[in-house]
Amino acid sequence: MGITITEDAKRKLAEYLNEGDSFLRIAVVSGGCSGSTYNAVIDSNMTETDKVVFEGDGVRIVADSRDLLFLGGLNIDFSDDLIQSGFRLTNPNAIKSCGCGSSFGV
């Protein structure tokens, strides 16, 4: 299972994660037009079912082990363009997506 994160996303995440033990938690939740959506929050509480899915350059990304199936191939990018700035989570393994791109199905 591999997650890739662009240099732009690493830099931006490192700004948020300068609080010692904090990390980005990515979860897959039911919802949206296509069945599932990603939820990403800054967290500092690990549970016994959590797995570190990326660590490097001052960035740590954690997910619950039940979500690992949906995270393989995930790419995290950051854009500060005027139209849609923010983090972008893209999974090439998704077989369907809604029109706005906020939900997916595998």
C-alpha atoms as a PDB file:
ATOM      1  CA  MET A   1       0.000   0.000   0.000  1.00  0.00           C
ATOM      2  CA  GLY A   2       1.573   3.238  -1.056  1.00  0.00           C
ATOM      3  CA  ILE A   3       0.593   6.826  -0.467  1.00  0.00           C
ATOM      4  CA  THR A   4       2.372   9.591  -2.327  1.00  0.00           C
ATOM      5  CA  ILE A   5       2.501  13.157  -1.162  1.00  0.00           C
ATOM      6  CA  THR A   6       3.790  16.045  -3.232  1.00  0.00           C
ATOM      7  CA  GLU A   7       6.442  18.445  -1.973  1.00  0.00           C
ATOM      8  CA  ASP A   8       3.844  21.256  -1.897  1.00  0.00           C
ATOM      9  CA  ALA A   9       1.551  19.147   0.300  1.00  0.00           C
ATOM     10  CA  LYS A  10       4.429  18.161   2.607  1.00  0.00           C
ATOM     11  CA  ARG A  11       5.423  21.788   3.109  1.00  0.00           C
ATOM     12  CA  LYS A  12       1.865  22.872   3.878  1.00  0.00           C
ATOM     13  CA  LEU A  13       1.173  19.926   6.181  1.00  0.00           C
ATOM     14  CA  ALA A  14       4.428  20.541   8.063  1.00  0.00           C
ATOM     15  CA  GLU A  15       3.117  24.034   8.905  1.00  0.00           C
ATOM     16  CA  TYR A  16       0.075  22.469  10.580  1.00  0.00           C
ATOM     17  CA  LEU A  17       1.945  19.593  12.207  1.00  0.00           C
ATOM     18  CA  ASN A  18       4.548  21.543  14.153  1.00  0.00           C
ATOM     19  CA  GLU A  19       2.843  20.639  17.425  1.00  0.00           C
ATOM     20  CA  GLY A  20       5.066  17.680  18.379  1.00  0.00           C
ATOM     21  CA  ASP A  21       3.019  14.488  18.211  1.00  0.00           C
ATOM     22  CA  SER A  22       0.318  15.749  15.844  1.00  0.00           C
ATOM     23  CA  PHE A  23      -0.345  13.985  12.543  1.00  0.00           C
ATOM     24  CA  LEU A  24      -2.792  13.975   9.656  1.00  0.00           C
ATOM     25  CA  ARG A  25      -5.502  11.355  10.121  1.00  0.00           C
ATOM     26  CA  ILE A  26      -7.172  10.159   6.935  1.00  0.00           C
ATOM     27  CA  ALA A  27     -10.396   8.193   7.173  1.00  0.00           C
ATOM     28  CA  VAL A  28     -12.788   6.815   4.592  1.00  0.00           C
ATOM     29  CA  VAL A  29     -16.427   7.424   5.462  1.00  0.00           C
ATOM     30  CA  SER A  30     -19.662   6.481   3.756  1.00  0.00           C
ATOM     31  CA  GLY A  31     -21.336   9.310   1.922  1.00  0.00           C
ATOM     32  CA  GLY A  32     -21.487  11.368  -1.207  1.00  0.00           C
ATOM     33  CA  CYS A  33     -22.925  10.464  -4.581  1.00  0.00           C
ATOM     34  CA  SER A  34     -20.437   7.672  -5.283  1.00  0.00           C
ATOM     35  CA  GLY A  35     -20.428   5.883  -1.938  1.00  0.00           C
ATOM     36  CA  SER A  36     -17.332   7.022   0.000  1.00  0.00           C
ATOM     37  CA  THR A  37     -15.434  10.171   0.809  1.00  0.00           C
ATOM     38  CA  TYR A  38     -12.166  11.027   2.536  1.00  0.00           C
ATOM     39  CA  ASN A  39     -12.092  12.804   5.876  1.00  0.00           C
ATOM     40  CA  ALA A  40      -8.783  14.394   6.870  1.00  0.00           C
ATOM     41  CA  VAL A  41      -8.132  16.018  10.258  1.00  0.00           C
ATOM     42  CA  ILE A  42      -5.167  16.989  12.392  1.00  0.00           C
ATOM     43  CA  ASP A  43      -5.000  14.629  15.373  1.00  0.00           C
ATOM     44  CA  SER A  44      -2.584  13.618  18.123  1.00  0.00           C
ATOM     45  CA  ASN A  45      -4.281  10.536  19.614  1.00  0.00           C
ATOM     46  CA  MET A  46      -3.195   7.179  18.226  1.00  0.00           C
ATOM     47  CA  THR A  47      -5.399   4.143  18.799  1.00  0.00           C
ATOM     48  CA  GLU A  48      -4.371   0.498  18.790  1.00  0.00           C
ATOM     49  CA  THR A  49      -5.902  -0.005  15.319  1.00  0.00           C
ATOM     50  CA  ASP A  50      -4.070   2.958  13.753  1.00  0.00           C
ATOM     51  CA  LYS A  51      -1.298   2.466  11.224  1.00  0.00           C
ATOM     52  CA  VAL A  52       1.247   5.022  10.046  1.00  0.00           C
ATOM     53  CA  VAL A  53       0.826   5.113   6.257  1.00  0.00           C
ATOM     54  CA  PHE A  54       3.409   7.830   5.547  1.00  0.00           C
ATOM     55  CA  GLU A  55       6.203   9.408   7.550  1.00  0.00           C
ATOM     56  CA  GLY A  56       8.914  11.733   6.349  1.00  0.00           C
ATOM     57  CA  ASP A  57      10.020  15.364   6.095  1.00  0.00           C
ATOM     58  CA  GLY A  58       8.225  16.293   9.323  1.00  0.00           C
ATOM     59  CA  VAL A  59       4.923  14.803   8.158  1.00  0.00           C
ATOM     60  CA  ARG A  60       3.151  11.763   9.561  1.00  0.00           C
ATOM     61  CA  ILE A  61      -0.090  10.395   8.103  1.00  0.00           C
ATOM     62  CA  VAL A  62      -2.144   7.862  10.039  1.00  0.00           C
ATOM     63  CA  ALA A  63      -5.216   5.783   9.173  1.00  0.00           C
ATOM     64  CA  ASP A  64      -7.281   3.194  10.953  1.00  0.00           C
ATOM     65  CA  SER A  65      -6.399  -0.282   9.699  1.00  0.00           C
ATOM     66  CA  ARG A  66      -9.947  -0.811   8.357  1.00  0.00           C
ATOM     67  CA  ASP A  67      -9.433   2.068   5.899  1.00  0.00           C
ATOM     68  CA  LEU A  68      -6.147   0.793   4.438  1.00  0.00           C
ATOM     69  CA  LEU A  69      -7.921  -1.013   1.597  1.00  0.00           C
ATOM     70  CA  PHE A  70      -9.175   2.340   0.272  1.00  0.00           C
ATOM     71  CA  LEU A  71      -5.892   4.226   0.622  1.00  0.00           C
ATOM     72  CA  GLY A  72      -3.574   2.263  -1.678  1.00  0.00           C
ATOM     73  CA  GLY A  73      -2.367   4.567  -4.444  1.00  0.00           C
ATOM     74  CA  LEU A  74      -3.702   7.713  -2.784  1.00  0.00           C
ATOM     75  CA  ASN A  75      -1.966  10.917  -3.888  1.00  0.00           C
ATOM     76  CA  ILE A  76      -2.076  14.013  -1.691  1.00  0.00           C
ATOM     77  CA  ASP A  77      -1.368  17.364  -3.307  1.00  0.00           C
ATOM     78  CA  PHE A  78      -1.793  20.992  -2.298  1.00  0.00           C
ATOM     79  CA  SER A  79      -2.730  23.855  -4.550  1.00  0.00           C
ATOM     80  CA  ASP A  80      -3.119  27.519  -3.715  1.00  0.00           C
ATOM     81  CA  ASP A  81      -4.767  28.554  -6.979  1.00  0.00           C
ATOM     82  CA  LEU A  82      -7.618  31.052  -6.910  1.00  0.00           C
ATOM     83  CA  ILE A  83     -10.399  28.701  -7.996  1.00  0.00           C
ATOM     84  CA  GLN A  84      -9.927  25.663  -5.770  1.00  0.00           C
ATOM     85  CA  SER A  85      -7.170  26.046  -3.229  1.00  0.00           C
ATOM     86  CA  GLY A  86      -6.440  23.414  -0.606  1.00  0.00           C
ATOM     87  CA  PHE A  87      -5.451  19.790  -0.284  1.00  0.00           C
ATOM     88  CA  ARG A  88      -6.459  17.402  -3.032  1.00  0.00           C
ATOM     89  CA  LEU A  89      -6.749  13.683  -2.385  1.00  0.00           C
ATOM     90  CA  THR A  90      -6.799  11.619  -5.560  1.00  0.00           C
ATOM     91  CA  ASN A  91      -6.964   7.852  -5.766  1.00  0.00           C
ATOM     92  CA  PRO A  92      -6.262   6.267  -9.165  1.00  0.00           C
ATOM     93  CA  ASN A  93      -7.914   3.040  -7.940  1.00  0.00           C
ATOM     94  CA  ALA A  94     -11.327   4.681  -7.687  1.00  0.00           C
ATOM     95  CA  ILE A  95     -13.612   3.195 -10.317  1.00  0.00           C
ATOM     96  CA  LYS A  96     -16.222   5.925 -10.066  1.00  0.00           C
ATOM     97  CA  SER A  97     -16.470   9.479  -8.809  1.00  0.00           C
ATOM     98  CA  CYS A  98     -19.186  12.080  -8.500  1.00  0.00           C
ATOM     99  CA  GLY A  99     -19.243  15.153 -10.718  1.00  0.00           C
ATOM    100  CA  CYS A 100     -17.733  17.448  -8.105  1.00  0.00           C
ATOM    101  CA  GLY A 101     -14.997  14.919  -7.265  1.00  0.00           C
ATOM    102  CA  SER A 102     -15.649  14.798  -3.536  1.00  0.00           C
ATOM    103  CA  SER A 103     -16.751  11.168  -3.348  1.00  0.00           C
ATOM    104  CA  PHE A 104     -15.558   7.931  -4.953  1.00  0.00           C
ATOM    105  CA  GLY A 105     -16.217   4.227  -5.269  1.00  0.00           C
ATOM    106  CA  VAL A 106     -13.784   1.323  -5.492  1.00  0.00           C
END
